[in-house]
N, C-alpha and C. Protein backbone atom coordinates (compact mmCIF):
# COMPACT_ATOMS: atom_id res chain seq x y z
N MET A 1 -6.66 25.47 -21.76
CA MET A 1 -5.53 24.71 -22.00
C MET A 1 -4.15 24.85 -21.08
N VAL A 2 -3.28 24.31 -20.53
CA VAL A 2 -2.48 24.27 -20.11
C VAL A 2 -0.99 24.77 -21.13
N GLU A 3 -0.43 25.87 -20.79
CA GLU A 3 0.93 25.61 -21.85
C GLU A 3 1.97 25.13 -21.23
N TRP A 4 2.76 24.13 -21.66
CA TRP A 4 3.65 23.81 -20.68
C TRP A 4 4.80 24.72 -21.20
N LYS A 5 5.68 24.46 -19.88
CA LYS A 5 7.19 25.12 -19.85
C LYS A 5 8.13 24.45 -19.60
N TRP A 6 9.39 24.60 -20.46
CA TRP A 6 10.82 23.73 -19.91
C TRP A 6 11.77 24.99 -20.24
N LEU A 7 12.94 24.39 -19.39
CA LEU A 7 13.77 24.87 -19.74
C LEU A 7 14.92 24.29 -20.71
N LYS A 8 15.83 24.85 -21.22
CA LYS A 8 17.06 24.46 -22.58
C LYS A 8 18.43 24.71 -21.68
N LYS A 9 19.10 23.85 -21.69
CA LYS A 9 20.81 23.93 -21.66
C LYS A 9 21.25 23.03 -22.75
N GLY A 10 22.53 23.65 -23.28
CA GLY A 10 22.73 23.13 -24.49
C GLY A 10 21.79 22.44 -25.36
N GLY A 11 20.82 23.11 -25.72
CA GLY A 11 19.89 22.61 -26.57
C GLY A 11 18.89 21.34 -26.11
N VAL A 12 19.25 21.11 -25.16
CA VAL A 12 18.55 20.02 -24.31
C VAL A 12 17.24 20.30 -23.52
N ARG A 13 16.47 19.68 -23.89
CA ARG A 13 14.79 20.37 -22.64
C ARG A 13 15.02 19.74 -21.34
N PHE A 14 14.30 20.30 -20.47
CA PHE A 14 14.56 19.90 -18.97
C PHE A 14 13.59 20.49 -18.17
N TYR A 15 13.13 19.86 -17.24
CA TYR A 15 12.11 20.45 -16.31
C TYR A 15 12.91 20.53 -14.83
N PRO A 16 12.77 21.15 -14.40
CA PRO A 16 13.33 21.82 -12.82
C PRO A 16 12.76 20.98 -11.87
N ARG A 17 13.45 20.63 -10.89
CA ARG A 17 13.01 19.93 -9.72
C ARG A 17 12.39 20.95 -9.22
N THR A 18 11.43 20.31 -8.15
CA THR A 18 10.60 21.20 -7.46
C THR A 18 10.17 20.50 -6.14
N HIS A 19 9.19 21.11 -4.98
CA HIS A 19 8.83 20.55 -3.97
C HIS A 19 7.23 21.04 -3.61
N LEU A 20 6.52 20.17 -3.11
CA LEU A 20 5.45 20.59 -3.01
C LEU A 20 5.05 21.94 -2.41
N LYS A 21 5.90 22.64 -1.40
CA LYS A 21 5.37 23.93 -0.94
C LYS A 21 5.71 24.83 -2.30
N ALA A 22 6.45 24.28 -3.29
CA ALA A 22 6.61 25.23 -4.05
C ALA A 22 5.22 25.68 -5.19
N VAL A 23 4.56 25.07 -4.75
CA VAL A 23 3.19 24.67 -5.82
C VAL A 23 2.02 25.46 -5.43
N ASP A 24 1.84 26.51 -5.66
CA ASP A 24 0.79 26.98 -5.16
C ASP A 24 -0.89 26.29 -5.16
N GLY A 25 -1.38 26.03 -4.52
CA GLY A 25 -2.53 25.15 -4.37
C GLY A 25 -2.72 23.91 -4.49
N LEU A 26 -1.61 22.84 -4.06
CA LEU A 26 -1.15 21.87 -4.39
C LEU A 26 -1.17 21.35 -2.99
N ASN A 27 -1.96 20.42 -2.07
CA ASN A 27 -2.06 20.22 -0.82
C ASN A 27 -1.95 18.51 -0.64
N ILE A 28 -1.83 17.94 0.54
CA ILE A 28 -1.33 16.47 0.74
C ILE A 28 -3.10 16.67 0.91
N ALA A 29 -3.83 15.29 0.59
CA ALA A 29 -4.96 14.80 1.15
C ALA A 29 -4.91 14.63 2.65
N THR A 30 -5.83 14.89 3.33
CA THR A 30 -6.11 14.47 4.84
C THR A 30 -7.87 13.75 4.62
N ALA A 31 -8.14 13.50 5.83
CA ALA A 31 -9.45 12.66 5.92
C ALA A 31 -10.62 13.41 5.88
N ASP A 32 -9.95 15.16 6.15
CA ASP A 32 -10.80 15.89 6.49
C ASP A 32 -11.08 17.10 5.02
N SER A 33 -9.77 16.94 4.09
CA SER A 33 -9.79 17.89 2.68
C SER A 33 -8.98 17.37 1.66
N ASP A 34 -9.43 17.55 0.59
CA ASP A 34 -9.00 16.90 -0.55
C ASP A 34 -7.26 17.50 -0.68
N GLY A 35 -6.71 17.12 -1.83
CA GLY A 35 -5.07 17.36 -2.07
C GLY A 35 -5.06 16.87 -3.05
N LEU A 36 -3.89 16.04 -3.29
CA LEU A 36 -3.14 15.61 -4.36
C LEU A 36 -4.42 14.39 -4.76
N LEU A 37 -5.13 13.66 -3.75
CA LEU A 37 -6.31 12.63 -4.33
C LEU A 37 -7.53 13.59 -3.59
N SER A 38 -8.40 12.68 -3.64
CA SER A 38 -9.79 13.04 -3.16
C SER A 38 -9.89 12.47 -1.22
N LYS A 39 -10.61 13.05 -0.64
CA LYS A 39 -9.98 12.62 0.91
C LYS A 39 -10.99 11.43 0.98
N SER A 40 -11.82 10.82 -0.07
CA SER A 40 -12.58 9.63 0.13
C SER A 40 -11.22 8.57 -0.39
N ASP A 41 -10.69 9.09 -1.62
CA ASP A 41 -9.31 8.00 -2.14
C ASP A 41 -8.45 7.89 -0.63
N LYS A 42 -7.99 8.70 -0.16
CA LYS A 42 -7.38 8.94 1.13
C LYS A 42 -7.87 8.00 2.29
N ALA A 43 -9.19 7.88 2.14
CA ALA A 43 -9.63 7.19 3.39
C ALA A 43 -9.44 5.59 2.92
N LYS A 44 -9.88 5.01 1.36
CA LYS A 44 -9.67 4.14 1.28
C LYS A 44 -8.16 3.56 1.67
N LEU A 45 -7.16 4.47 0.90
CA LEU A 45 -5.69 4.20 1.08
C LEU A 45 -5.50 3.60 2.20
N ASP A 46 -5.86 4.70 3.39
CA ASP A 46 -5.80 4.35 4.61
C ASP A 46 -5.73 3.00 5.43
N LYS A 47 -6.91 2.24 4.89
CA LYS A 47 -7.85 1.26 5.34
C LYS A 47 -6.83 0.14 4.75
N LEU A 48 -5.96 0.18 3.77
CA LEU A 48 -5.09 -1.13 3.27
C LEU A 48 -4.06 -1.40 4.17
N GLN A 49 -4.10 -2.68 3.95
CA GLN A 49 -3.21 -3.36 5.28
C GLN A 49 -1.77 -3.61 4.85
N VAL A 50 -0.82 -3.37 5.11
CA VAL A 50 0.48 -3.58 5.02
C VAL A 50 1.03 -4.81 5.13
N GLU A 51 1.53 -5.68 3.89
CA GLU A 51 2.39 -7.33 3.89
C GLU A 51 3.13 -6.88 5.40
N PRO A 52 3.29 -8.38 5.95
CA PRO A 52 2.39 -9.58 5.72
C PRO A 52 1.28 -9.28 6.52
N PHE A 53 0.03 -9.80 5.71
CA PHE A 53 -1.12 -9.74 6.66
C PHE A 53 -1.33 -10.42 7.64
N ASP A 54 -2.21 -10.07 8.89
CA ASP A 54 -3.03 -10.96 9.94
C ASP A 54 -3.46 -11.92 9.49
N GLY A 55 -4.77 -11.24 8.85
CA GLY A 55 -5.82 -11.74 8.06
C GLY A 55 -6.50 -11.44 7.10
N LEU A 56 -7.23 -12.26 6.17
CA LEU A 56 -8.12 -11.66 5.31
C LEU A 56 -9.53 -11.51 5.46
N LYS A 57 -10.32 -10.03 5.21
CA LYS A 57 -11.89 -10.88 5.67
C LYS A 57 -12.67 -11.04 4.61
N PHE A 58 -13.63 -12.02 4.88
CA PHE A 58 -14.73 -12.08 3.67
C PHE A 58 -15.87 -12.29 4.24
N LYS A 59 -17.17 -11.97 3.30
CA LYS A 59 -18.19 -11.99 3.64
C LYS A 59 -19.30 -13.00 2.88
N SER A 60 -19.68 -13.99 3.62
CA SER A 60 -20.61 -14.67 2.86
C SER A 60 -21.71 -14.12 2.49
N PRO A 61 -22.25 -15.39 1.63
CA PRO A 61 -23.39 -14.97 1.07
C PRO A 61 -24.94 -14.41 2.51
N ASP A 62 -24.65 -14.97 3.32
CA ASP A 62 -25.61 -14.48 4.54
C ASP A 62 -25.09 -13.75 5.27
N GLY A 63 -24.29 -12.82 4.97
CA GLY A 63 -23.65 -11.42 5.42
C GLY A 63 -22.62 -11.70 6.70
N SER A 64 -22.35 -13.08 7.00
CA SER A 64 -21.42 -13.22 8.30
C SER A 64 -20.06 -13.21 7.82
N ILE A 65 -19.56 -12.45 8.28
CA ILE A 65 -18.26 -12.21 8.31
C ILE A 65 -16.96 -13.02 8.70
N PHE A 66 -16.16 -13.67 7.79
CA PHE A 66 -14.93 -14.47 8.41
C PHE A 66 -13.55 -14.17 8.04
N THR A 67 -12.66 -14.78 8.94
CA THR A 67 -11.54 -13.84 8.83
C THR A 67 -10.58 -15.41 8.28
N LEU A 68 -9.87 -14.85 7.61
CA LEU A 68 -8.65 -16.31 6.75
C LEU A 68 -7.76 -15.78 7.34
N SER A 69 -6.99 -16.87 8.01
CA SER A 69 -5.33 -16.60 8.57
C SER A 69 -4.81 -17.87 8.49
N VAL A 70 -3.35 -18.13 8.82
CA VAL A 70 -2.62 -19.37 8.89
C VAL A 70 -2.45 -19.78 9.59
N SER A 71 -2.42 -21.05 9.88
CA SER A 71 -1.85 -21.59 11.26
C SER A 71 -0.15 -21.85 11.01
N ASN A 72 0.67 -22.24 12.18
CA ASN A 72 2.24 -22.27 12.72
C ASN A 72 2.35 -23.41 11.46
N GLU A 73 1.42 -23.94 10.77
CA GLU A 73 1.68 -25.21 10.19
C GLU A 73 1.57 -25.03 8.64
N GLY A 74 1.21 -23.65 8.46
CA GLY A 74 0.68 -23.36 6.69
C GLY A 74 -0.87 -23.51 6.47
N LYS A 75 -1.44 -24.42 7.41
CA LYS A 75 -2.90 -24.37 6.99
C LYS A 75 -3.73 -23.13 7.06
N PRO A 76 -4.84 -23.14 6.38
CA PRO A 76 -5.91 -21.74 6.48
C PRO A 76 -6.37 -22.29 7.80
N VAL A 77 -7.17 -21.37 8.16
CA VAL A 77 -8.05 -20.92 8.99
C VAL A 77 -9.34 -20.34 8.95
N PHE A 78 -10.14 -20.63 9.11
CA PHE A 78 -11.14 -19.41 9.00
C PHE A 78 -12.21 -19.35 10.11
N THR A 79 -12.07 -18.37 10.91
CA THR A 79 -12.56 -17.53 11.65
C THR A 79 -14.05 -16.57 11.81
N LYS A 80 -15.14 -17.18 12.34
CA LYS A 80 -16.34 -16.36 12.34
C LYS A 80 -16.34 -15.28 12.92
N GLU A 81 -16.50 -13.99 12.68
CA GLU A 81 -16.40 -13.22 13.75
C GLU A 81 -17.46 -13.18 14.33
N GLY A 82 -17.46 -12.66 15.97
CA GLY A 82 -18.50 -12.65 16.63
C GLY A 82 -19.21 -14.01 17.31
N GLY A 83 -18.46 -15.07 16.90
CA GLY A 83 -18.86 -16.04 16.90
C GLY A 83 -17.99 -17.38 17.27
């Protein structure tokens, strides 16, 4: 079990600020190595699209892929990939 340490000033407990390089063994995750999170979770985060979305992909029951987008009039548009 980890023993928690803190500092006191004027009877008030506080934790000092630090940075990544000050913590031994704490690394940033990459596509090739684990770090603050696993490399597989890092890969999932890297795949997330930042808003606004250009389109959302859906898979139909038969395995076909469709992209949902919006026309300039605000109407939904489904486009089948590869077709």
